[in-house]
Amino acid sequence: MASTVVPTIAPMNLFKSIFKQLPLPLSNSRSLFFSTTSISRKQVSLANLLQRYGFAPSQLNTFLNRNHFLLSSNLHDIKKSLGILTSFKIPRESIVSLISDCPGVLELQFLKKWEGTFLKFADLAVCPLVIRSVLEHSRKLEIHPDELGKSLKIFKGLGFSEDTMRRVLKIFPELLLIKESDIHRKIDFFVRMGIALDEVHRIFNSFPEVLSFGIEDKLIPLLHEFEDLGFSKNLVRREIISEPQILRMEIGELSRCLELLKTLKCRQSIKSEIFYRGAFRAGFETKLRVDCLCKHGLIRRDAFKVLWKEPRVIIYNIEDIEKKIAFLEKTMGVKVGCLVEVPEYLGVSFEKQIIPRYTVIEHLHAKGALGDEVGLKGMINLSRLRFYNLYVKPYPECEKMYGRFTGVKIQHPKGLWKVFRAERHPETKEDMENIKSFMEGLL
């Protein structure tokens, strides 16, 4: 009979296997417990502190997980930093967005230096939103507070108004790093174009980003493109003075917009309204509408397609276009991509067609009177008479809804006897005398 072999374990290996199963020593367990408890308490305290300054509870967990360095920072210093930010009179919403975008601004020494700098320039009356912008960019770009004083002295020496300096700091704080020689070069560039010095300052005030544009790699090629398209230097100069945002255009943008305008197929009245200020301004206005559509989610190719299909969009103000898009997305719940298929939505009147038609459709939908779902195309592309006959005329309560927004009282067609009835005119004293004299001649 075969004997059973029992495996043997060396005493040392047996000791190691048992030791692995034993709990940690009491001293190590206590240190781990207290360190974990300390971190948890600090995290709770920090979360409560941030919540008092406007952070929503739902965003605190994500924010603290992304910024572990705050847990190792002094809680008292963070509280002082938040107090300094509040002393700048920055709105709570802006403080939350500033800390979320750039948590490094909570460093106490950083804020103390900038606090002293802003006090030195109190006469400039820098608004809280400007301070917020300067703090964010100075932290990200490591701009020292002394650079602000140097830049403001340069701007004052060039004759910039306080309003211009405030606008520069608000929109483009990176200009704190610009050299005085670079500013002089840009001023000389515009003066050589024939633009007066006070007009140059006005351009910088309304469009301070132009100070960051390179002359050789941006401005000169852009002006060459305008000349190649057949626009004279005098015309370009007048347009830049009238609308400095023209300098924001990229190389090739105006050419693409003008090509689109040449291929438009629309009524002559619409085309005349598009070009009433000339081809150059028409191309620029087209570029602004393309940027507006792209900002709301369309790609550039689709934005050009929308404008080609519905040229009336170029005539409408950008505020009207954005109002229609906001209504489309927020109220109607339709994605902006549908505009590629139904561009007519942007070409009709918001108050006279979009609102009354949507109101009628929503009323009928809630009432259960619609058999099929009416999409954006079915709501917009119908003629006024067709929409009235389908959705308004069969439901008397909708006539008031539909007529209230159009400003026209909806009436049923008149009978033929009313149409062909002779129009009566009031009888004047002269008419009566003529009739009397005529009748006396007959007697």
Protein backbone atom coordinates (compact mmCIF):
# COMPACT_ATOMS: atom_id res chain seq x y z
CA MET A 1 0.00 0.00 0.00
CA ALA A 2 1.42 3.34 -1.07
CA SER A 3 2.20 5.71 1.71
CA THR A 4 0.80 9.28 1.57
CA VAL A 5 3.47 11.99 1.30
CA VAL A 6 2.69 15.00 3.49
CA PRO A 7 4.33 18.21 2.26
CA THR A 8 6.55 19.83 4.80
CA ILE A 9 7.03 23.57 5.30
CA ALA A 10 10.26 24.98 6.56
CA PRO A 11 9.91 26.72 9.93
CA MET A 12 11.04 30.08 8.51
CA ASN A 13 8.55 29.98 5.61
CA LEU A 14 5.79 28.98 8.00
CA PHE A 15 6.62 31.97 10.21
CA LYS A 16 6.53 34.34 7.20
CA SER A 17 3.16 33.07 6.00
CA ILE A 18 1.64 33.49 9.45
CA PHE A 19 3.21 36.94 9.88
CA LYS A 20 1.58 38.19 6.67
CA GLN A 21 -1.84 37.36 8.08
CA LEU A 22 -1.24 39.22 11.34
CA PRO A 23 -2.58 42.78 11.73
CA LEU A 24 -0.24 45.76 11.60
CA PRO A 25 1.46 46.78 14.83
CA LEU A 26 -0.65 49.06 16.98
CA SER A 27 1.69 52.05 16.55
CA ASN A 28 1.50 51.90 12.72
CA SER A 29 -2.28 51.45 12.79
CA ARG A 30 -2.72 54.47 15.02
CA SER A 31 -0.48 56.71 12.86
CA LEU A 32 -2.30 55.68 9.69
CA PHE A 33 -5.68 56.25 11.34
CA PHE A 34 -4.82 59.69 12.68
CA SER A 35 -3.24 60.85 9.38
CA THR A 36 -6.33 59.74 7.43
CA THR A 37 -8.62 61.41 9.96
CA SER A 38 -6.58 64.62 9.81
CA ILE A 39 -6.79 64.76 6.00
CA SER A 40 -10.54 64.07 6.07
CA ARG A 41 -11.13 66.81 8.63
CA LYS A 42 -9.07 69.30 6.62
CA GLN A 43 -10.92 68.38 3.44
CA VAL A 44 -14.26 68.94 5.16
CA SER A 45 -13.11 72.27 6.57
CA LEU A 46 -11.79 73.41 3.20
CA ALA A 47 -15.03 72.35 1.49
CA ASN A 48 -17.11 74.27 4.02
CA LEU A 49 -14.91 77.35 3.55
CA LEU A 50 -15.21 77.28 -0.24
CA GLN A 51 -18.93 76.68 0.01
CA ARG A 52 -19.30 79.86 2.07
CA TYR A 53 -17.70 81.80 -0.79
CA GLY A 54 -20.06 80.52 -3.47
CA PHE A 55 -18.94 77.02 -4.48
CA ALA A 56 -21.80 74.60 -5.08
CA PRO A 57 -21.61 71.32 -3.11
CA SER A 58 -21.83 69.35 -6.36
CA GLN A 59 -18.58 70.83 -7.75
CA LEU A 60 -16.47 70.69 -4.58
CA ASN A 61 -15.55 67.02 -4.79
CA THR A 62 -14.27 67.30 -8.37
CA PHE A 63 -12.45 70.55 -7.64
CA LEU A 64 -10.61 69.19 -4.57
CA ASN A 65 -9.67 65.94 -6.33
CA ARG A 66 -8.06 67.94 -9.15
CA ASN A 67 -6.18 70.27 -6.78
CA HIS A 68 -4.59 68.14 -4.05
CA PHE A 69 -2.09 70.90 -3.24
CA LEU A 70 -4.85 72.80 -1.44
CA LEU A 71 -5.02 70.08 1.20
CA SER A 72 -1.39 70.70 2.08
CA SER A 73 -1.87 74.49 2.16
CA ASN A 74 -2.54 76.45 5.31
CA LEU A 75 -6.30 76.73 5.79
CA HIS A 76 -5.89 80.09 7.52
CA ASP A 77 -3.96 81.46 4.51
CA ILE A 78 -6.65 80.24 2.10
CA LYS A 79 -9.27 82.03 4.19
CA LYS A 80 -7.21 85.25 4.02
CA SER A 81 -6.85 84.85 0.26
CA LEU A 82 -10.60 84.51 -0.16
CA GLY A 83 -11.03 87.62 1.97
CA ILE A 84 -8.69 89.59 -0.31
CA LEU A 85 -10.60 88.43 -3.41
CA THR A 86 -13.83 89.57 -1.76
CA SER A 87 -12.28 92.94 -0.88
CA PHE A 88 -11.77 93.54 -4.61
CA LYS A 89 -15.58 93.48 -4.86
CA ILE A 90 -15.45 90.69 -7.42
CA PRO A 91 -18.90 89.02 -7.74
CA ARG A 92 -19.17 85.59 -6.13
CA GLU A 93 -19.85 83.90 -9.44
CA SER A 94 -16.67 85.41 -10.87
CA ILE A 95 -14.66 84.37 -7.79
CA VAL A 96 -15.84 80.78 -8.20
CA SER A 97 -15.00 80.74 -11.93
CA LEU A 98 -11.62 82.37 -11.28
CA ILE A 99 -10.63 79.79 -8.64
CA SER A 100 -11.95 76.93 -10.77
CA ASP A 101 -10.00 78.07 -13.84
CA CYS A 102 -6.88 79.14 -11.97
CA PRO A 103 -6.69 77.77 -8.39
CA GLY A 104 -3.17 79.18 -8.05
CA VAL A 105 -4.68 82.62 -7.33
CA LEU A 106 -5.37 81.41 -3.79
CA GLU A 107 -1.68 81.81 -2.94
CA LEU A 108 -1.61 84.45 -0.20
CA GLN A 109 1.67 86.17 -1.10
CA PHE A 110 0.60 86.47 -4.74
CA LEU A 111 -2.62 88.23 -3.77
CA LYS A 112 -0.91 90.52 -1.26
CA LYS A 113 1.46 91.81 -3.94
CA TRP A 114 -1.40 92.52 -6.34
CA GLU A 115 -3.47 94.09 -3.57
CA GLY A 116 -0.74 96.68 -3.03
CA THR A 117 -0.42 97.28 -6.77
CA PHE A 118 -4.14 97.92 -7.22
CA LEU A 119 -4.06 100.40 -4.33
CA LYS A 120 -1.32 102.37 -6.11
CA PHE A 121 -3.53 102.71 -9.19
CA ALA A 122 -6.79 103.41 -7.36
CA ASP A 123 -7.23 106.59 -9.43
CA LEU A 124 -7.65 104.42 -12.52
CA ALA A 125 -10.93 103.11 -11.05
CA VAL A 126 -10.32 99.54 -12.22
CA CYS A 127 -13.58 97.60 -12.08
CA PRO A 128 -13.78 94.19 -10.32
CA LEU A 129 -14.05 92.24 -13.59
CA VAL A 130 -10.84 93.87 -14.83
CA ILE A 131 -9.11 92.84 -11.59
CA ARG A 132 -10.37 89.29 -12.08
CA SER A 133 -8.99 89.17 -15.61
CA VAL A 134 -5.62 90.59 -14.55
CA LEU A 135 -5.27 88.12 -11.67
CA GLU A 136 -6.05 85.12 -13.87
CA HIS A 137 -3.66 86.03 -16.67
CA SER A 138 -0.89 87.22 -14.36
CA ARG A 139 -0.96 83.90 -12.52
CA LYS A 140 -1.02 81.80 -15.67
CA LEU A 141 1.62 83.87 -17.48
CA GLU A 142 3.66 84.64 -14.34
CA ILE A 143 3.33 88.40 -14.79
CA HIS A 144 4.84 90.34 -11.90
CA PRO A 145 2.75 93.20 -10.44
CA ASP A 146 5.53 95.66 -11.31
CA GLU A 147 4.81 94.97 -14.99
CA LEU A 148 1.39 96.59 -14.57
CA GLY A 149 2.94 99.87 -13.45
CA LYS A 150 5.42 99.86 -16.32
CA SER A 151 2.75 99.11 -18.91
CA LEU A 152 0.38 101.79 -17.63
CA LYS A 153 3.19 104.36 -17.72
CA ILE A 154 3.87 103.37 -21.34
CA PHE A 155 0.18 103.70 -22.25
CA LYS A 156 -0.06 107.11 -20.55
CA GLY A 157 3.08 108.28 -22.34
CA LEU A 158 1.51 107.32 -25.65
CA GLY A 159 -1.55 109.42 -24.88
CA PHE A 160 -3.92 106.55 -24.11
CA SER A 161 -7.00 107.58 -22.14
CA GLU A 162 -7.93 105.88 -18.88
CA ASP A 163 -10.90 104.29 -20.60
CA THR A 164 -8.56 102.76 -23.19
CA MET A 165 -6.27 101.37 -20.47
CA ARG A 166 -9.18 99.87 -18.55
CA ARG A 167 -10.44 98.20 -21.73
CA VAL A 168 -7.00 96.80 -22.52
CA LEU A 169 -6.67 95.30 -19.02
CA LYS A 170 -10.15 93.79 -19.20
CA ILE A 171 -10.04 92.23 -22.65
CA PHE A 172 -6.35 91.54 -23.19
CA PRO A 173 -4.23 91.55 -19.99
CA GLU A 174 -1.41 89.79 -21.87
CA LEU A 175 -0.51 93.22 -23.19
CA LEU A 176 1.15 93.87 -19.84
CA LEU A 177 4.12 92.00 -21.34
CA ILE A 178 4.27 94.06 -24.52
CA LYS A 179 7.33 96.22 -25.12
CA GLU A 180 7.10 99.95 -25.68
CA SER A 181 9.02 99.65 -28.94
CA ASP A 182 6.43 97.18 -30.29
CA ILE A 183 3.60 99.61 -29.53
CA HIS A 184 5.46 102.44 -31.27
CA ARG A 185 5.98 100.23 -34.33
CA LYS A 186 2.24 99.51 -34.57
CA ILE A 187 1.35 103.18 -34.17
CA ASP A 188 3.82 104.09 -36.93
CA PHE A 189 2.36 101.34 -39.13
CA PHE A 190 -1.18 102.75 -38.88
CA VAL A 191 0.01 106.35 -39.28
CA ARG A 192 1.82 105.38 -42.50
CA MET A 193 -1.50 103.98 -43.72
CA GLY A 194 -2.91 107.49 -43.43
CA ILE A 195 -4.79 107.04 -40.15
CA ALA A 196 -4.62 110.02 -37.80
CA LEU A 197 -3.10 109.51 -34.34
CA ASP A 198 -6.38 110.10 -32.50
CA GLU A 199 -8.05 107.54 -34.77
CA VAL A 200 -5.26 105.07 -33.94
CA HIS A 201 -6.02 105.53 -30.24
CA ARG A 202 -9.72 104.98 -30.95
CA ILE A 203 -8.88 101.75 -32.79
CA PHE A 204 -6.80 100.54 -29.82
CA ASN A 205 -9.65 101.47 -27.47
CA SER A 206 -12.36 99.62 -29.37
CA PHE A 207 -10.17 96.69 -30.43
CA PRO A 208 -7.16 96.36 -28.05
CA GLU A 209 -6.28 92.87 -29.37
CA VAL A 210 -4.75 94.57 -32.39
CA LEU A 211 -1.77 95.49 -30.19
CA SER A 212 -0.88 91.80 -30.06
CA PHE A 213 -0.99 91.27 -33.83
CA GLY A 214 2.30 90.92 -35.62
CA ILE A 215 3.00 93.42 -38.38
CA GLU A 216 4.93 91.15 -40.76
CA ASP A 217 3.02 87.93 -40.15
CA LYS A 218 -0.52 89.32 -39.76
CA LEU A 219 -1.27 92.93 -40.68
CA ILE A 220 0.80 93.33 -43.86
CA PRO A 221 -0.40 90.03 -45.46
CA LEU A 222 -3.99 90.95 -44.60
CA LEU A 223 -3.70 94.36 -46.29
CA HIS A 224 -2.06 92.73 -49.33
CA GLU A 225 -5.02 90.37 -49.64
CA PHE A 226 -7.44 93.32 -49.60
CA GLU A 227 -5.46 94.98 -52.40
CA ASP A 228 -5.32 91.76 -54.44
CA LEU A 229 -9.12 91.57 -54.23
CA GLY A 230 -9.32 94.96 -55.92
CA PHE A 231 -10.04 97.22 -52.94
CA SER A 232 -8.20 100.54 -52.87
CA LYS A 233 -6.06 101.68 -49.94
CA ASN A 234 -8.40 104.59 -49.25
CA LEU A 235 -11.40 102.26 -49.03
CA VAL A 236 -9.58 99.83 -46.73
CA ARG A 237 -8.43 102.71 -44.51
CA ARG A 238 -11.97 104.09 -44.20
CA GLU A 239 -13.38 100.66 -43.39
CA ILE A 240 -10.74 99.99 -40.70
CA ILE A 241 -11.43 103.36 -39.07
CA SER A 242 -15.17 102.66 -39.19
CA GLU A 243 -14.91 99.03 -37.99
CA PRO A 244 -11.54 98.04 -36.43
CA GLN A 245 -12.81 94.45 -36.01
CA ILE A 246 -11.95 94.00 -39.70
CA LEU A 247 -8.35 93.46 -38.59
CA ARG A 248 -9.48 90.30 -36.79
CA MET A 249 -10.04 88.57 -40.13
CA GLU A 250 -7.73 85.72 -41.05
CA ILE A 251 -5.95 85.45 -44.38
CA GLY A 252 -8.38 84.09 -46.98
CA GLU A 253 -11.58 84.73 -45.01
CA LEU A 254 -12.71 87.74 -47.01
CA SER A 255 -11.99 85.91 -50.29
CA ARG A 256 -14.15 82.98 -49.21
CA CYS A 257 -17.01 85.26 -48.16
CA LEU A 258 -16.93 87.20 -51.43
CA GLU A 259 -17.03 83.94 -53.41
CA LEU A 260 -20.16 82.98 -51.49
CA LEU A 261 -21.81 86.33 -52.20
CA LYS A 262 -21.14 86.01 -55.93
CA THR A 263 -23.04 82.70 -56.10
CA LEU A 264 -26.13 83.81 -54.14
CA LYS A 265 -29.47 83.05 -55.77
CA CYS A 266 -32.01 85.40 -54.25
CA ARG A 267 -34.28 88.30 -55.09
CA GLN A 268 -32.58 91.43 -56.33
CA SER A 269 -34.01 93.43 -53.42
CA ILE A 270 -32.24 91.16 -50.91
CA LYS A 271 -28.99 91.30 -52.84
CA SER A 272 -29.17 95.08 -53.03
CA GLU A 273 -29.66 95.28 -49.27
CA ILE A 274 -26.64 93.02 -48.71
CA PHE A 275 -24.39 95.15 -50.92
CA TYR A 276 -25.78 98.59 -50.04
CA ARG A 277 -22.53 99.50 -48.21
CA GLY A 278 -20.25 97.98 -50.81
CA ALA A 279 -18.69 94.57 -51.46
CA PHE A 280 -16.00 94.95 -48.79
CA ARG A 281 -18.49 95.54 -45.97
CA ALA A 282 -20.80 92.84 -47.35
CA GLY A 283 -17.95 90.32 -47.13
CA PHE A 284 -17.12 91.38 -43.58
CA GLU A 285 -20.77 91.14 -42.47
CA THR A 286 -20.91 87.65 -43.97
CA LYS A 287 -17.80 86.69 -41.96
CA LEU A 288 -19.49 87.91 -38.75
CA ARG A 289 -22.56 85.74 -39.43
CA VAL A 290 -20.36 82.71 -40.12
CA ASP A 291 -18.53 83.26 -36.82
CA CYS A 292 -21.86 83.59 -35.01
CA LEU A 293 -23.15 80.27 -36.37
CA CYS A 294 -19.84 78.54 -35.61
CA LYS A 295 -19.93 79.87 -32.05
CA HIS A 296 -23.25 78.08 -31.55
CA GLY A 297 -21.98 74.72 -32.79
CA LEU A 298 -21.96 74.61 -36.60
CA ILE A 299 -18.81 73.83 -38.52
CA ARG A 300 -17.68 76.47 -41.02
CA ARG A 301 -18.76 74.47 -44.06
CA ASP A 302 -22.31 74.13 -42.69
CA ALA A 303 -22.37 77.81 -41.69
CA PHE A 304 -21.56 78.83 -45.27
CA LYS A 305 -24.21 76.41 -46.52
CA VAL A 306 -26.85 78.02 -44.29
CA LEU A 307 -26.00 81.50 -45.57
CA TRP A 308 -26.05 80.33 -49.19
CA LYS A 309 -29.47 78.72 -48.79
CA GLU A 310 -30.90 81.62 -46.76
CA PRO A 311 -29.19 84.93 -47.72
CA ARG A 312 -31.62 86.93 -45.57
CA VAL A 313 -29.52 85.89 -42.57
CA ILE A 314 -26.83 88.33 -43.74
CA ILE A 315 -29.33 91.19 -43.46
CA TYR A 316 -30.47 90.38 -39.91
CA ASN A 317 -28.57 91.72 -36.90
CA ILE A 318 -26.40 89.23 -35.04
CA GLU A 319 -28.49 89.83 -31.91
CA ASP A 320 -31.61 88.68 -33.81
CA ILE A 321 -29.81 85.56 -35.04
CA GLU A 322 -28.64 84.67 -31.55
CA LYS A 323 -32.15 85.25 -30.18
CA LYS A 324 -33.59 82.83 -32.74
CA ILE A 325 -30.92 80.20 -32.00
CA ALA A 326 -31.49 80.52 -28.25
CA PHE A 327 -35.25 80.05 -28.76
CA LEU A 328 -34.59 77.06 -31.03
CA GLU A 329 -32.40 75.26 -28.50
CA LYS A 330 -33.86 76.26 -25.12
CA THR A 331 -37.57 76.63 -25.84
CA MET A 332 -38.18 74.36 -28.82
CA GLY A 333 -35.58 71.77 -27.79
CA VAL A 334 -34.15 71.47 -31.31
CA LYS A 335 -30.41 71.12 -31.97
CA VAL A 336 -28.68 73.85 -33.91
CA GLY A 337 -27.56 71.32 -36.54
CA CYS A 338 -31.13 71.29 -37.91
CA LEU A 339 -30.49 74.73 -39.37
CA VAL A 340 -28.55 73.08 -42.18
CA GLU A 341 -31.77 71.37 -43.32
CA VAL A 342 -34.13 74.24 -42.42
CA PRO A 343 -32.12 77.48 -42.86
CA GLU A 344 -35.38 79.34 -43.53
CA TYR A 345 -35.88 79.43 -39.75
CA LEU A 346 -33.23 82.16 -39.52
CA GLY A 347 -34.73 84.10 -42.43
CA VAL A 348 -38.28 84.61 -41.15
CA SER A 349 -39.50 87.14 -38.60
CA PHE A 350 -39.11 86.07 -34.99
CA GLU A 351 -42.09 88.00 -33.61
CA LYS A 352 -44.44 87.63 -36.59
CA GLN A 353 -43.87 84.00 -37.61
CA ILE A 354 -41.73 81.90 -35.28
CA ILE A 355 -43.43 82.76 -31.98
CA PRO A 356 -47.09 82.62 -33.17
CA ARG A 357 -46.60 79.42 -35.15
CA TYR A 358 -44.80 77.70 -32.28
CA THR A 359 -47.51 78.84 -29.86
CA VAL A 360 -50.26 77.39 -32.05
CA ILE A 361 -48.43 74.08 -32.58
CA GLU A 362 -47.72 73.69 -28.85
CA HIS A 363 -51.36 74.42 -27.99
CA LEU A 364 -52.61 71.82 -30.47
CA HIS A 365 -50.00 69.31 -29.31
CA ALA A 366 -51.06 69.70 -25.66
CA LYS A 367 -54.69 69.38 -26.72
CA GLY A 368 -53.95 66.16 -28.63
CA ALA A 369 -55.29 67.61 -31.85
CA LEU A 370 -52.20 66.79 -33.92
CA GLY A 371 -52.09 63.36 -35.48
CA ASP A 372 -48.44 63.50 -36.53
CA GLU A 373 -45.51 65.34 -35.03
CA VAL A 374 -44.91 68.72 -36.67
CA GLY A 375 -41.18 69.26 -37.09
CA LEU A 376 -39.25 72.45 -37.64
CA LYS A 377 -39.56 72.13 -41.42
CA GLY A 378 -43.31 71.62 -41.29
CA MET A 379 -43.73 74.62 -39.01
CA ILE A 380 -41.54 77.10 -40.94
CA ASN A 381 -41.76 76.18 -44.62
CA LEU A 382 -45.53 76.41 -44.94
CA SER A 383 -46.89 79.62 -46.43
CA ARG A 384 -48.88 81.87 -44.16
CA LEU A 385 -52.18 80.94 -45.81
CA ARG A 386 -51.36 77.22 -45.81
CA PHE A 387 -50.42 77.26 -42.11
CA TYR A 388 -53.59 79.22 -41.31
CA ASN A 389 -55.84 76.78 -43.16
CA LEU A 390 -54.21 73.70 -41.58
CA TYR A 391 -53.69 74.69 -37.95
CA VAL A 392 -55.60 77.89 -37.21
CA LYS A 393 -58.87 78.01 -39.13
CA PRO A 394 -60.26 74.64 -37.82
CA TYR A 395 -59.66 75.74 -34.21
CA PRO A 396 -61.31 79.08 -33.33
CA GLU A 397 -59.26 79.53 -30.14
CA CYS A 398 -56.06 79.54 -32.22
CA GLU A 399 -57.16 82.56 -34.28
CA LYS A 400 -56.65 84.88 -31.32
CA MET A 401 -53.27 83.28 -30.63
CA TYR A 402 -52.14 83.58 -34.20
CA GLY A 403 -53.50 87.07 -34.79
CA ARG A 404 -52.18 88.57 -31.58
CA PHE A 405 -48.55 88.09 -32.57
CA THR A 406 -48.85 89.11 -36.20
CA GLY A 407 -50.52 92.40 -35.41
CA VAL A 408 -53.18 91.61 -38.04
CA LYS A 409 -56.72 90.62 -37.17
CA ILE A 410 -57.52 87.33 -38.89
CA GLN A 411 -60.82 87.53 -40.80
CA HIS A 412 -62.69 85.13 -43.05
CA PRO A 413 -62.90 86.11 -46.76
CA LYS A 414 -65.59 88.67 -47.51
CA GLY A 415 -68.48 87.91 -49.82
CA LEU A 416 -68.41 89.15 -53.42
CA TRP A 417 -71.27 91.57 -52.79
CA LYS A 418 -69.09 93.35 -50.22
CA VAL A 419 -66.09 93.43 -52.53
CA PHE A 420 -67.97 94.97 -55.50
CA ARG A 421 -70.11 97.34 -53.48
CA ALA A 422 -69.55 100.96 -54.55
CA GLU A 423 -67.48 102.98 -52.17
CA ARG A 424 -69.30 105.91 -50.60
CA HIS A 425 -67.67 109.30 -50.24
CA PRO A 426 -68.75 112.04 -47.83
CA GLU A 427 -70.75 114.83 -49.43
CA THR A 428 -69.23 118.29 -49.09
CA LYS A 429 -70.95 121.67 -49.18
CA GLU A 430 -69.54 122.32 -52.63
CA ASP A 431 -71.01 119.03 -53.91
CA MET A 432 -74.44 120.01 -52.60
CA GLU A 433 -74.30 123.40 -54.32
CA ASN A 434 -73.30 121.74 -57.63
CA ILE A 435 -76.19 119.30 -57.41
CA LYS A 436 -78.63 122.11 -56.60
CA SER A 437 -77.49 124.24 -59.52
CA PHE A 438 -77.72 121.22 -61.86
CA MET A 439 -81.26 120.42 -60.76
CA GLU A 440 -82.36 124.07 -61.15
CA GLY A 441 -81.13 123.99 -64.74
CA LEU A 442 -83.38 121.04 -65.48
CA LEU A 443 -86.54 122.76 -64.25
